[in-house]
């Protein structure tokens, strides 16, 4: 487990109990991204406490409500004119949910240490019109279940055309991410030994998978296969050592392992070139799983390929593909379509 980057969470680092709590999460082997999310969320709460002159350990339900209000009304950190699509406010619903979840976990630890009698954040599902703090607590925020954005077919083609002007490494990375429905960390941390060229398979190590489950995915037998073999030859000119598959080609750090940030910057440049600001490293995973759903691949097979623990997570891509719903509507309305065709379609046959 990497050391906690305390410089990113100065308020957490400066206070004994928050620091001890976050360090405990790191010792429990939570993923680095999870530790970072926890650290940023807790640091945000402590900044609110400092601004509002609140003692974190003596937090009340009323003060929790004030924090929720602050989250819901503050400007977006990316710019005051940027609003969340779901709620019209500065921070997205998922970001606010994450901040509240971390606060609840921190308060749980205070209760366990007998530093306070109860958890002021509470638990439960949001119920419109019911108050906060009753006998059966409701959730503090409504949870919006939104479908992930994916590019249209024409937008996807534009991205692939723009990809032709990038390096061989970047082409291989994007195609592998798409073919294997890989998360960012799963892609960037691949090693040469994870690639089985003979069977066109990629092993995702358990320590890099989100749910800590190892799995095997495949990649295309034509373009991806040819480009990958060409890249492996090119990589040998950067480093003859085995190890990380993707290496930096920059003048400053040639041959060093590629970082998560560097890959994100590659995708960010592509999104800017194609005027698709919502395209991220994770979009490739969403797109691949949606395409698998559209091709009528079995739901459980998609779940296995994606590494999903819950089949409900996979269901999002069935909904996103629209295949199931479209077919159901078509079957239900066939007789009506025939009627319309008989009356209006004669002139266009």
Protein backbone atom coordinates (compact mmCIF):
# COMPACT_ATOMS: atom_id res chain seq x y z
CA UNK A 1 0.00 0.00 0.00
CA UNK A 2 1.39 3.40 -0.97
CA UNK A 3 1.84 6.05 1.66
CA UNK A 4 -1.05 8.48 2.12
CA UNK A 5 -0.28 11.73 0.31
CA UNK A 6 -0.95 14.00 3.26
CA UNK A 7 -0.03 17.13 1.35
CA UNK A 8 -3.28 16.72 -0.59
CA UNK A 9 -5.37 16.74 2.59
CA UNK A 10 -3.72 19.34 4.87
CA UNK A 11 -6.63 19.70 7.28
CA UNK A 12 -6.94 15.93 7.69
CA UNK A 13 -3.20 15.71 8.30
CA UNK A 14 -3.27 18.44 10.94
CA UNK A 15 -5.95 16.86 13.17
CA UNK A 16 -5.33 13.69 15.16
CA UNK A 17 -8.65 11.86 14.79
CA UNK A 18 -9.24 12.52 11.06
CA UNK A 19 -5.60 11.62 10.32
CA UNK A 20 -5.81 8.42 12.37
CA UNK A 21 -9.06 7.43 10.64
CA UNK A 22 -7.68 7.92 7.12
CA UNK A 23 -4.45 6.13 8.00
CA UNK A 24 -6.52 3.21 9.28
CA UNK A 25 -8.30 2.96 5.91
CA UNK A 26 -4.91 2.81 4.20
CA UNK A 27 -3.72 0.07 6.57
CA UNK A 28 -6.88 -1.90 5.72
CA UNK A 29 -5.60 -2.04 2.12
CA UNK A 30 -8.27 0.10 0.51
CA UNK A 31 -7.44 1.06 -3.06
CA UNK A 32 -5.36 4.24 -3.54
CA UNK A 33 -8.23 5.88 -5.43
CA UNK A 34 -10.57 5.12 -2.52
CA UNK A 35 -8.12 6.59 -0.02
CA UNK A 36 -7.82 9.69 -2.19
CA UNK A 37 -11.60 10.05 -2.42
CA UNK A 38 -11.94 9.64 1.34
CA UNK A 39 -9.15 12.12 2.00
CA UNK A 40 -10.58 14.79 -0.29
CA UNK A 41 -14.10 14.38 1.08
CA UNK A 42 -13.00 14.54 4.71
CA UNK A 43 -10.75 17.51 4.01
CA UNK A 44 -13.70 19.28 2.40
CA UNK A 45 -15.85 18.68 5.47
CA UNK A 46 -13.11 19.94 7.80
CA UNK A 47 -12.78 23.10 5.68
CA UNK A 48 -16.51 23.66 6.10
CA UNK A 49 -16.16 23.17 9.87
CA UNK A 50 -13.29 25.64 10.00
CA UNK A 51 -15.26 28.22 8.03
CA UNK A 52 -18.42 27.70 10.10
CA UNK A 53 -16.63 27.39 13.47
CA UNK A 54 -17.92 23.86 14.05
CA UNK A 55 -16.19 21.22 16.17
CA UNK A 56 -16.17 18.07 13.99
CA UNK A 57 -16.45 15.69 16.95
CA UNK A 58 -19.53 17.55 18.26
CA UNK A 59 -21.34 17.73 14.95
CA UNK A 60 -25.14 18.03 15.22
CA UNK A 61 -27.88 17.05 12.78
CA UNK A 62 -28.60 20.71 12.12
CA UNK A 63 -24.96 21.27 11.21
CA UNK A 64 -25.01 18.23 8.93
CA UNK A 65 -27.99 19.82 7.15
CA UNK A 66 -25.99 23.05 6.79
CA UNK A 67 -23.14 21.09 5.22
CA UNK A 68 -25.54 19.47 2.75
CA UNK A 69 -26.87 22.91 1.87
CA UNK A 70 -23.32 24.13 1.34
CA UNK A 71 -22.58 21.20 -0.98
CA UNK A 72 -25.77 21.80 -2.94
CA UNK A 73 -25.26 25.52 -3.49
CA UNK A 74 -21.52 26.07 -3.82
CA UNK A 75 -20.02 26.93 -7.23
CA UNK A 76 -18.57 24.11 -9.29
CA UNK A 77 -14.78 23.88 -8.74
CA UNK A 78 -14.32 23.74 -12.51
CA UNK A 79 -16.00 27.12 -12.93
CA UNK A 80 -18.94 29.09 -11.59
CA UNK A 81 -20.83 28.73 -14.87
CA UNK A 82 -20.62 24.92 -14.90
CA UNK A 83 -23.72 23.23 -13.51
CA UNK A 84 -24.49 19.62 -12.75
CA UNK A 85 -26.67 17.98 -15.38
CA UNK A 86 -28.74 16.09 -12.78
CA UNK A 87 -29.67 18.83 -10.34
CA UNK A 88 -28.74 22.17 -11.88
CA UNK A 89 -26.32 22.92 -9.05
CA UNK A 90 -22.58 23.23 -8.97
CA UNK A 91 -21.69 19.79 -7.59
CA UNK A 92 -23.05 16.59 -9.07
CA UNK A 93 -25.37 14.34 -7.12
CA UNK A 94 -22.77 11.56 -7.06
CA UNK A 95 -20.14 13.92 -5.62
CA UNK A 96 -22.47 15.04 -2.86
CA UNK A 97 -23.43 11.44 -2.10
CA UNK A 98 -19.76 10.56 -1.79
CA UNK A 99 -19.05 13.45 0.60
CA UNK A 100 -21.95 12.44 2.84
CA UNK A 101 -20.93 8.77 2.81
CA UNK A 102 -17.39 9.59 3.95
CA UNK A 103 -18.72 11.86 6.68
CA UNK A 104 -21.01 9.04 7.87
CA UNK A 105 -18.08 6.60 7.99
CA UNK A 106 -15.95 9.06 9.95
CA UNK A 107 -18.75 9.65 12.45
CA UNK A 108 -19.22 5.88 12.75
CA UNK A 109 -15.63 5.66 13.94
CA UNK A 110 -16.28 8.34 16.57
CA UNK A 111 -19.24 6.34 17.86
CA UNK A 112 -17.16 3.14 17.95
CA UNK A 113 -14.53 4.96 20.02
CA UNK A 114 -17.28 6.19 22.35
CA UNK A 115 -16.39 9.79 21.52
CA UNK A 116 -20.02 10.57 20.76
CA UNK A 117 -23.32 8.77 21.49
CA UNK A 118 -24.73 8.57 17.97
CA UNK A 119 -24.07 9.27 14.31
CA UNK A 120 -25.62 12.62 13.29
CA UNK A 121 -25.54 11.75 9.60
CA UNK A 122 -28.06 8.92 9.89
CA UNK A 123 -28.96 6.26 7.37
CA UNK A 124 -31.83 5.27 5.15
CA UNK A 125 -33.37 6.04 1.78
CA UNK A 126 -34.45 9.49 0.72
CA UNK A 127 -38.23 9.91 0.91
CA UNK A 128 -39.62 13.10 -0.54
CA UNK A 129 -41.57 15.17 2.01
CA UNK A 130 -40.36 13.31 5.10
CA UNK A 131 -38.21 15.14 7.60
CA UNK A 132 -34.64 14.39 8.59
CA UNK A 133 -34.01 13.07 12.09
CA UNK A 134 -37.21 11.17 12.81
CA UNK A 135 -37.62 7.70 14.26
CA UNK A 136 -36.59 6.19 10.92
CA UNK A 137 -33.97 8.32 9.28
CA UNK A 138 -34.19 8.93 5.59
CA UNK A 139 -31.22 9.62 3.35
CA UNK A 140 -30.04 13.20 3.25
CA UNK A 141 -30.09 13.47 -0.53
CA UNK A 142 -32.18 11.97 -3.32
CA UNK A 143 -30.01 9.59 -5.33
CA UNK A 144 -30.21 10.06 -9.10
CA UNK A 145 -29.63 6.89 -11.08
CA UNK A 146 -28.33 8.22 -14.39
CA UNK A 147 -27.14 6.21 -17.36
CA UNK A 148 -23.49 6.73 -18.33
CA UNK A 149 -22.85 8.84 -21.41
CA UNK A 150 -21.47 7.15 -24.50
CA UNK A 151 -20.66 8.65 -27.90
CA UNK A 152 -22.93 8.10 -30.88
CA UNK A 153 -21.68 5.93 -33.74
CA UNK A 154 -20.57 8.98 -35.72
CA UNK A 155 -18.82 10.46 -32.68
CA UNK A 156 -17.04 7.17 -32.07
CA UNK A 157 -15.86 7.16 -35.67
CA UNK A 158 -14.55 10.71 -35.24
CA UNK A 159 -12.57 9.60 -32.20
CA UNK A 160 -11.05 6.69 -34.09
CA UNK A 161 -10.05 9.00 -36.95
CA UNK A 162 -8.40 11.38 -34.48
CA UNK A 163 -6.64 8.41 -32.90
CA UNK A 164 -4.81 7.73 -36.17
CA UNK A 165 -2.75 10.89 -35.62
CA UNK A 166 -1.51 9.79 -32.18
CA UNK A 167 1.36 7.50 -31.21
CA UNK A 168 1.31 3.73 -31.67
CA UNK A 169 1.24 3.32 -27.89
CA UNK A 170 -1.84 5.51 -27.53
CA UNK A 171 -3.64 3.64 -30.30
CA UNK A 172 -2.95 0.31 -28.61
CA UNK A 173 -4.03 1.63 -25.21
CA UNK A 174 -7.34 2.98 -26.46
CA UNK A 175 -8.17 -0.17 -28.42
CA UNK A 176 -7.23 -2.46 -25.52
CA UNK A 177 -9.30 -0.34 -23.14
CA UNK A 178 -12.27 -0.63 -25.50
CA UNK A 179 -11.86 -4.31 -26.44
CA UNK A 180 -11.37 -5.41 -22.85
CA UNK A 181 -13.76 -2.90 -21.21
CA UNK A 182 -10.85 -1.93 -18.96
CA UNK A 183 -10.87 0.61 -16.18
CA UNK A 184 -8.10 3.20 -16.22
CA UNK A 185 -5.97 1.55 -13.53
CA UNK A 186 -6.46 -1.90 -15.05
CA UNK A 187 -5.12 -0.63 -18.37
CA UNK A 188 -2.19 1.47 -17.17
CA UNK A 189 -0.87 -1.18 -14.77
CA UNK A 190 -0.78 -3.99 -17.34
CA UNK A 191 2.52 -5.85 -17.58
CA UNK A 192 4.01 -7.68 -20.54
CA UNK A 193 3.41 -10.99 -18.79
CA UNK A 194 -0.32 -10.20 -18.68
CA UNK A 195 -0.57 -10.41 -22.48
CA UNK A 196 -1.16 -13.76 -24.17
CA UNK A 197 -0.56 -13.02 -27.85
CA UNK A 198 -1.31 -16.59 -28.97
CA UNK A 199 -4.84 -16.55 -27.56
CA UNK A 200 -5.36 -12.76 -27.77
CA UNK A 201 -6.09 -12.54 -24.06
CA UNK A 202 -5.29 -10.04 -21.32
CA UNK A 203 -5.09 -10.92 -17.64
CA UNK A 204 -6.37 -8.31 -15.19
CA UNK A 205 -4.59 -8.84 -11.89
CA UNK A 206 -6.69 -8.94 -8.74
CA UNK A 207 -4.66 -6.18 -7.07
CA UNK A 208 -5.55 -3.76 -9.87
CA UNK A 209 -9.21 -4.71 -10.31
CA UNK A 210 -11.83 -2.61 -8.56
CA UNK A 211 -13.38 -5.58 -6.77
CA UNK A 212 -10.05 -7.39 -6.27
CA UNK A 213 -11.09 -10.25 -8.55
CA UNK A 214 -8.79 -11.47 -11.29
CA UNK A 215 -10.33 -11.93 -14.73
CA UNK A 216 -9.34 -12.51 -18.35
CA UNK A 217 -10.57 -10.45 -21.30
CA UNK A 218 -9.89 -10.62 -25.02
CA UNK A 219 -8.93 -8.21 -27.77
CA UNK A 220 -9.58 -7.92 -31.50
CA UNK A 221 -7.89 -10.36 -33.87
CA UNK A 222 -7.29 -7.83 -36.64
CA UNK A 223 -6.38 -4.20 -35.92
CA UNK A 224 -5.75 -4.43 -32.18
CA UNK A 225 -3.71 -7.61 -32.58
CA UNK A 226 -1.50 -6.16 -35.32
CA UNK A 227 -0.97 -2.85 -33.52
CA UNK A 228 -0.16 -4.60 -30.23
CA UNK A 229 2.48 -6.80 -31.85
CA UNK A 230 4.00 -3.72 -33.51
CA UNK A 231 3.98 -1.88 -30.19
CA UNK A 232 5.71 -4.77 -28.40
CA UNK A 233 8.55 -4.50 -30.92
CA UNK A 234 8.66 -0.73 -30.45
CA UNK A 235 8.62 -1.06 -26.67
CA UNK A 236 11.77 -3.18 -26.82
CA UNK A 237 13.60 -0.12 -28.20
CA UNK A 238 12.58 1.83 -25.09
CA UNK A 239 13.42 -0.90 -22.58
CA UNK A 240 14.59 -4.48 -22.93
CA UNK A 241 13.32 -5.27 -19.43
CA UNK A 242 10.02 -6.98 -18.82
CA UNK A 243 7.55 -5.25 -16.56
CA UNK A 244 5.00 -2.51 -17.28
CA UNK A 245 3.54 -2.83 -20.76
CA UNK A 246 3.09 0.87 -21.39
CA UNK A 247 6.08 3.17 -21.03
CA UNK A 248 6.54 6.91 -21.21
CA UNK A 249 7.93 8.26 -24.46
CA UNK A 250 8.53 11.77 -23.15
CA UNK A 251 11.96 13.38 -23.29
CA UNK A 252 11.93 13.85 -19.53
CA UNK A 253 11.12 10.26 -18.51
CA UNK A 254 11.71 7.95 -21.49
CA UNK A 255 11.13 4.31 -20.66
CA UNK A 256 9.55 4.93 -17.26
CA UNK A 257 6.14 3.36 -16.45
CA UNK A 258 3.20 5.38 -17.73
CA UNK A 259 1.16 7.04 -14.98
CA UNK A 260 -2.61 7.28 -14.62
CA UNK A 261 -2.44 11.05 -15.05
CA UNK A 262 -0.50 10.77 -18.31
CA UNK A 263 -3.14 8.47 -19.79
CA UNK A 264 -5.91 10.80 -18.65
CA UNK A 265 -4.16 13.67 -20.43
CA UNK A 266 -4.01 11.65 -23.65
CA UNK A 267 -7.78 11.09 -23.53
CA UNK A 268 -8.39 14.72 -22.57
CA UNK A 269 -6.53 15.88 -25.69
CA UNK A 270 -8.57 13.50 -27.84
CA UNK A 271 -11.82 14.76 -26.34
CA UNK A 272 -10.80 18.35 -27.07
CA UNK A 273 -9.82 17.55 -30.66
CA UNK A 274 -13.17 15.89 -31.33
CA UNK A 275 -15.25 18.36 -29.30
CA UNK A 276 -16.53 15.63 -26.99
CA UNK A 277 -15.93 17.05 -23.49
CA UNK A 278 -17.79 14.19 -21.78
CA UNK A 279 -15.44 11.57 -23.21
CA UNK A 280 -13.18 10.18 -20.44
CA UNK A 281 -10.98 7.16 -19.85
CA UNK A 282 -14.00 5.31 -18.42
CA UNK A 283 -16.18 6.01 -21.46
CA UNK A 284 -14.38 3.26 -23.38
CA UNK A 285 -15.55 0.72 -20.80
CA UNK A 286 -19.13 1.99 -20.94
CA UNK A 287 -19.08 1.90 -24.73
CA UNK A 288 -17.75 -1.64 -24.99
CA UNK A 289 -20.25 -3.06 -22.50
CA UNK A 290 -23.08 -1.27 -24.28
CA UNK A 291 -21.95 -2.72 -27.62
CA UNK A 292 -21.85 -6.20 -26.06
CA UNK A 293 -25.42 -5.72 -24.84
CA UNK A 294 -26.53 -4.55 -28.29
CA UNK A 295 -25.02 -7.68 -29.83
CA UNK A 296 -27.29 -9.82 -27.57
CA UNK A 297 -24.46 -11.23 -25.47
CA UNK A 298 -25.80 -13.04 -22.39
CA UNK A 299 -26.19 -10.79 -19.35
CA UNK A 300 -24.15 -13.05 -17.08
CA UNK A 301 -21.37 -13.28 -19.66
CA UNK A 302 -21.21 -9.49 -19.84
CA UNK A 303 -21.04 -9.33 -16.04
CA UNK A 304 -18.15 -11.81 -16.00
CA UNK A 305 -16.32 -9.96 -18.76
CA UNK A 306 -16.74 -6.63 -16.97
CA UNK A 307 -15.80 -8.01 -13.56
CA UNK A 308 -19.08 -6.94 -11.99
CA UNK A 309 -19.97 -8.40 -8.61
CA UNK A 310 -23.65 -7.50 -8.92
CA UNK A 311 -25.76 -8.30 -11.98
CA UNK A 312 -27.67 -5.08 -11.28
CA UNK A 313 -24.59 -3.11 -12.30
CA UNK A 314 -24.55 -4.90 -15.63
CA UNK A 315 -28.25 -4.17 -16.15
CA UNK A 316 -27.37 -0.50 -16.66
CA UNK A 317 -25.78 -1.41 -19.99
CA UNK A 318 -28.81 -3.40 -21.07
CA UNK A 319 -30.91 -0.30 -20.42
CA UNK A 320 -28.34 1.91 -22.12
CA UNK A 321 -28.21 -0.26 -25.23
CA UNK A 322 -31.98 0.00 -25.62
CA UNK A 323 -32.11 -3.44 -27.24
CA UNK A 324 -34.43 -5.10 -24.74
CA UNK A 325 -36.83 -2.16 -24.59
CA UNK A 326 -36.81 -1.60 -28.35
CA UNK A 327 -37.57 -5.26 -29.06
CA UNK A 328 -40.38 -5.32 -26.48
CA UNK A 329 -41.96 -2.21 -27.97
CA UNK A 330 -41.62 -3.61 -31.49
CA UNK A 331 -43.30 -6.90 -30.52
CA UNK A 332 -46.11 -5.11 -28.72
CA UNK A 333 -46.87 -2.67 -31.52
CA UNK A 334 -46.37 -4.86 -34.59
CA UNK A 335 -50.08 -4.87 -35.50
CA UNK A 336 -50.27 -1.09 -35.17
CA UNK A 337 -47.19 -0.68 -37.37
CA UNK A 338 -48.78 -2.87 -40.04
CA UNK A 339 -51.91 -0.71 -39.94
CA UNK A 340 -49.87 2.47 -40.38
CA UNK A 341 -47.86 0.85 -43.19
CA UNK A 342 -51.04 -0.18 -45.04
CA UNK A 343 -52.52 3.30 -44.86
CA UNK A 344 -49.55 5.63 -45.23
CA UNK A 345 -46.79 3.53 -46.69
CA UNK A 346 -48.17 2.87 -50.18
CA UNK A 347 -46.78 6.06 -51.70
CA UNK A 348 -43.23 5.24 -50.55
CA UNK A 349 -42.92 1.65 -51.70
